[in-house]
Amino acid sequence: MKHLCIGSLGEDARSLAQRVCATEEALITVWVNDEATVYASPGETPEDVVNSALVGTYTMGMDPNHIADDLIEMRRERLRAGILDD
């Protein structure tokens, strides 16, 4: 798996988090592109991902609620910045 499309930042964060957990990668990085598409990549942060797009890096067995909370925070940040429509 290089970059797996998980969904859109506008979708339910808990569902997105469950999809991240379903990848069963030992270490996975979640990030969002300019179009609010959520991606997961195995391992550490890919070179082409800027810090402002990074949701987090998680280990296998991570509580999906923690991932969902991070996705919700990313959505809030983008809404505040006017990058994402409500």
N, C-alpha and C. Protein backbone atom coordinates (compact mmCIF):
# COMPACT_ATOMS: atom_id res chain seq x y z
N MET A 1 0.84 -1.18 0.00
CA MET A 1 0.00 0.00 0.00
C MET A 1 0.89 1.24 0.00
N LYS A 2 0.70 2.10 -0.98
CA LYS A 2 1.44 3.36 -1.00
C LYS A 2 0.62 4.41 -0.27
N HIS A 3 -0.37 4.98 -0.94
CA HIS A 3 -1.31 5.91 -0.30
C HIS A 3 -2.70 5.33 -0.51
N LEU A 4 -3.40 5.06 0.55
CA LEU A 4 -4.75 4.51 0.47
C LEU A 4 -5.74 5.63 0.74
N CYS A 5 -6.67 5.85 -0.18
CA CYS A 5 -7.72 6.85 0.01
C CYS A 5 -8.71 6.28 1.03
N ILE A 6 -8.88 6.99 2.14
CA ILE A 6 -9.78 6.56 3.21
C ILE A 6 -11.16 7.18 3.05
N GLY A 7 -11.24 8.37 2.47
CA GLY A 7 -12.51 9.06 2.29
C GLY A 7 -12.32 10.56 2.27
N SER A 8 -13.35 11.27 2.66
CA SER A 8 -13.34 12.73 2.66
C SER A 8 -13.43 13.25 4.09
N LEU A 9 -12.77 14.37 4.35
CA LEU A 9 -12.79 14.98 5.67
C LEU A 9 -14.21 15.38 6.09
N GLY A 10 -15.10 15.52 5.13
CA GLY A 10 -16.49 15.85 5.43
C GLY A 10 -17.32 14.67 5.90
N GLU A 11 -16.78 13.46 5.78
CA GLU A 11 -17.49 12.26 6.23
C GLU A 11 -17.41 12.12 7.74
N ASP A 12 -18.17 11.19 8.27
CA ASP A 12 -18.16 10.90 9.70
C ASP A 12 -16.75 10.47 10.13
N ALA A 13 -16.19 11.18 11.11
CA ALA A 13 -14.82 10.93 11.56
C ALA A 13 -14.65 9.53 12.14
N ARG A 14 -15.65 9.02 12.81
CA ARG A 14 -15.55 7.68 13.41
C ARG A 14 -15.48 6.60 12.32
N SER A 15 -16.23 6.80 11.25
CA SER A 15 -16.16 5.84 10.13
C SER A 15 -14.79 5.88 9.46
N LEU A 16 -14.26 7.09 9.29
CA LEU A 16 -12.92 7.23 8.71
C LEU A 16 -11.88 6.54 9.59
N ALA A 17 -12.00 6.73 10.89
CA ALA A 17 -11.06 6.13 11.84
C ALA A 17 -11.12 4.61 11.77
N GLN A 18 -12.32 4.06 11.64
CA GLN A 18 -12.46 2.61 11.53
C GLN A 18 -11.78 2.09 10.26
N ARG A 19 -11.87 2.86 9.18
CA ARG A 19 -11.20 2.46 7.92
C ARG A 19 -9.68 2.48 8.09
N VAL A 20 -9.18 3.46 8.83
CA VAL A 20 -7.73 3.52 9.10
C VAL A 20 -7.32 2.27 9.88
N CYS A 21 -8.06 1.94 10.90
CA CYS A 21 -7.74 0.76 11.73
C CYS A 21 -7.84 -0.53 10.93
N ALA A 22 -8.73 -0.57 9.96
CA ALA A 22 -8.92 -1.78 9.15
C ALA A 22 -7.73 -2.08 8.24
N THR A 23 -6.84 -1.12 8.06
CA THR A 23 -5.68 -1.36 7.19
C THR A 23 -4.72 -2.39 7.81
N GLU A 24 -4.75 -2.52 9.13
CA GLU A 24 -3.91 -3.48 9.86
C GLU A 24 -2.42 -3.27 9.64
N GLU A 25 -2.03 -2.02 9.36
CA GLU A 25 -0.61 -1.68 9.26
C GLU A 25 -0.04 -1.50 10.67
N ALA A 26 1.21 -1.88 10.88
CA ALA A 26 1.84 -1.72 12.19
C ALA A 26 2.00 -0.25 12.55
N LEU A 27 2.29 0.57 11.56
CA LEU A 27 2.45 2.02 11.73
C LEU A 27 1.83 2.67 10.51
N ILE A 28 0.95 3.64 10.73
CA ILE A 28 0.26 4.27 9.61
C ILE A 28 0.14 5.77 9.86
N THR A 29 0.36 6.54 8.80
CA THR A 29 0.25 7.99 8.86
C THR A 29 -1.00 8.41 8.10
N VAL A 30 -1.77 9.28 8.71
CA VAL A 30 -3.01 9.79 8.11
C VAL A 30 -2.80 11.27 7.79
N TRP A 31 -3.21 11.64 6.59
CA TRP A 31 -3.06 13.02 6.15
C TRP A 31 -4.18 13.40 5.21
N VAL A 32 -4.34 14.71 4.97
CA VAL A 32 -5.43 15.24 4.17
C VAL A 32 -4.84 16.13 3.08
N ASN A 33 -5.30 15.94 1.84
CA ASN A 33 -4.79 16.80 0.76
C ASN A 33 -5.62 18.08 0.66
N ASP A 34 -5.31 18.92 -0.32
CA ASP A 34 -5.97 20.22 -0.48
C ASP A 34 -7.46 20.09 -0.81
N GLU A 35 -7.87 18.94 -1.34
CA GLU A 35 -9.28 18.73 -1.69
C GLU A 35 -10.04 18.05 -0.56
N ALA A 36 -9.43 17.95 0.63
CA ALA A 36 -10.03 17.35 1.83
C ALA A 36 -10.20 15.84 1.71
N THR A 37 -9.40 15.21 0.87
CA THR A 37 -9.39 13.75 0.79
C THR A 37 -8.45 13.22 1.85
N VAL A 38 -8.92 12.24 2.61
CA VAL A 38 -8.14 11.65 3.69
C VAL A 38 -7.39 10.43 3.15
N TYR A 39 -6.09 10.40 3.40
CA TYR A 39 -5.24 9.29 2.94
C TYR A 39 -4.54 8.65 4.13
N ALA A 40 -4.19 7.38 3.95
CA ALA A 40 -3.38 6.66 4.93
C ALA A 40 -2.19 6.08 4.17
N SER A 41 -1.02 6.19 4.78
CA SER A 41 0.21 5.66 4.20
C SER A 41 0.93 4.85 5.26
N PRO A 42 1.47 3.69 4.89
CA PRO A 42 2.19 2.90 5.89
C PRO A 42 3.47 3.60 6.32
N GLY A 43 3.82 3.44 7.59
CA GLY A 43 5.07 3.99 8.09
C GLY A 43 4.97 5.44 8.49
N GLU A 44 6.13 6.07 8.53
CA GLU A 44 6.24 7.48 8.92
C GLU A 44 5.66 8.38 7.83
N THR A 45 5.63 9.67 8.11
CA THR A 45 5.07 10.65 7.19
C THR A 45 5.78 10.62 5.84
N PRO A 46 5.03 10.45 4.74
CA PRO A 46 5.65 10.49 3.42
C PRO A 46 6.33 11.84 3.15
N GLU A 47 7.39 11.82 2.38
CA GLU A 47 8.16 13.04 2.09
C GLU A 47 7.32 14.14 1.48
N ASP A 48 6.33 13.78 0.66
CA ASP A 48 5.56 14.78 -0.07
C ASP A 48 4.38 15.35 0.74
N VAL A 49 4.25 15.00 2.01
CA VAL A 49 3.16 15.49 2.85
C VAL A 49 3.68 16.62 3.74
N VAL A 50 3.06 17.79 3.62
CA VAL A 50 3.46 18.93 4.44
C VAL A 50 2.85 18.80 5.84
N ASN A 51 3.49 19.39 6.82
CA ASN A 51 3.03 19.28 8.21
C ASN A 51 1.59 19.73 8.41
N SER A 52 1.17 20.76 7.71
CA SER A 52 -0.18 21.26 7.89
C SER A 52 -1.25 20.27 7.40
N ALA A 53 -0.84 19.29 6.61
CA ALA A 53 -1.78 18.28 6.11
C ALA A 53 -1.82 17.04 6.98
N LEU A 54 -0.89 16.93 7.90
CA LEU A 54 -0.74 15.73 8.72
C LEU A 54 -1.79 15.67 9.82
N VAL A 55 -2.52 14.55 9.87
CA VAL A 55 -3.48 14.31 10.95
C VAL A 55 -2.76 13.62 12.10
N GLY A 56 -1.96 12.60 11.78
CA GLY A 56 -1.22 11.90 12.82
C GLY A 56 -0.62 10.61 12.32
N THR A 57 0.27 10.05 13.13
CA THR A 57 0.86 8.74 12.86
C THR A 57 0.45 7.83 14.01
N TYR A 58 -0.05 6.66 13.66
CA TYR A 58 -0.67 5.77 14.63
C TYR A 58 -0.09 4.36 14.53
N THR A 59 -0.13 3.66 15.66
CA THR A 59 0.34 2.28 15.69
C THR A 59 -0.85 1.33 15.68
N MET A 60 -0.61 0.09 15.26
CA MET A 60 -1.65 -0.91 15.25
C MET A 60 -2.23 -1.04 16.66
N GLY A 61 -3.53 -1.14 16.75
CA GLY A 61 -4.18 -1.26 18.04
C GLY A 61 -4.57 0.07 18.66
N MET A 62 -4.25 1.17 17.98
CA MET A 62 -4.60 2.50 18.48
C MET A 62 -6.12 2.62 18.59
N ASP A 63 -6.58 3.28 19.62
CA ASP A 63 -8.01 3.50 19.82
C ASP A 63 -8.55 4.34 18.66
N PRO A 64 -9.53 3.83 17.92
CA PRO A 64 -10.08 4.60 16.79
C PRO A 64 -10.67 5.95 17.21
N ASN A 65 -11.09 6.05 18.47
CA ASN A 65 -11.64 7.33 18.94
C ASN A 65 -10.57 8.42 18.95
N HIS A 66 -9.34 8.05 19.23
CA HIS A 66 -8.23 9.01 19.20
C HIS A 66 -8.01 9.51 17.77
N ILE A 67 -8.04 8.60 16.82
CA ILE A 67 -7.89 8.97 15.41
C ILE A 67 -9.05 9.87 14.99
N ALA A 68 -10.27 9.49 15.38
CA ALA A 68 -11.45 10.29 15.04
C ALA A 68 -11.34 11.70 15.62
N ASP A 69 -10.88 11.81 16.87
CA ASP A 69 -10.71 13.13 17.48
C ASP A 69 -9.72 13.98 16.69
N ASP A 70 -8.64 13.36 16.22
CA ASP A 70 -7.65 14.09 15.42
C ASP A 70 -8.24 14.54 14.09
N LEU A 71 -9.06 13.69 13.49
CA LEU A 71 -9.72 14.05 12.22
C LEU A 71 -10.71 15.19 12.44
N ILE A 72 -11.43 15.15 13.54
CA ILE A 72 -12.38 16.23 13.87
C ILE A 72 -11.63 17.54 14.06
N GLU A 73 -10.49 17.49 14.74
CA GLU A 73 -9.70 18.70 14.95
C GLU A 73 -9.18 19.25 13.61
N MET A 74 -8.74 18.37 12.72
CA MET A 74 -8.28 18.82 11.39
C MET A 74 -9.44 19.49 10.65
N ARG A 75 -10.62 18.93 10.75
CA ARG A 75 -11.78 19.51 10.09
C ARG A 75 -12.07 20.90 10.66
N ARG A 76 -12.03 21.03 11.97
CA ARG A 76 -12.25 22.34 12.61
C ARG A 76 -11.23 23.37 12.15
N GLU A 77 -9.96 22.97 12.11
CA GLU A 77 -8.91 23.88 11.66
C GLU A 77 -9.16 24.36 10.24
N ARG A 78 -9.55 23.44 9.39
CA ARG A 78 -9.81 23.83 7.99
C ARG A 78 -11.04 24.70 7.86
N LEU A 79 -12.07 24.43 8.66
CA LEU A 79 -13.26 25.29 8.65
C LEU A 79 -12.91 26.70 9.11
N ARG A 80 -12.13 26.82 10.20
CA ARG A 80 -11.73 28.13 10.72
C ARG A 80 -10.91 28.91 9.70
N ALA A 81 -10.07 28.19 8.96
CA ALA A 81 -9.20 28.84 7.97
C ALA A 81 -9.93 29.12 6.66
N GLY A 82 -11.17 28.67 6.56
CA GLY A 82 -11.92 28.88 5.33
C GLY A 82 -11.50 27.99 4.19
N ILE A 83 -10.78 26.92 4.51
CA ILE A 83 -10.30 25.99 3.50
C ILE A 83 -11.36 24.95 3.17
N LEU A 84 -12.28 24.73 4.09
CA LEU A 84 -13.29 23.68 3.95
C LEU A 84 -14.65 24.30 4.18
N ASP A 85 -15.61 23.93 3.35
CA ASP A 85 -16.99 24.39 3.53
C ASP A 85 -17.69 23.47 4.52
N ASP A 86 -18.60 24.05 5.29
CA ASP A 86 -19.35 23.27 6.27
C ASP A 86 -20.43 22.46 5.62
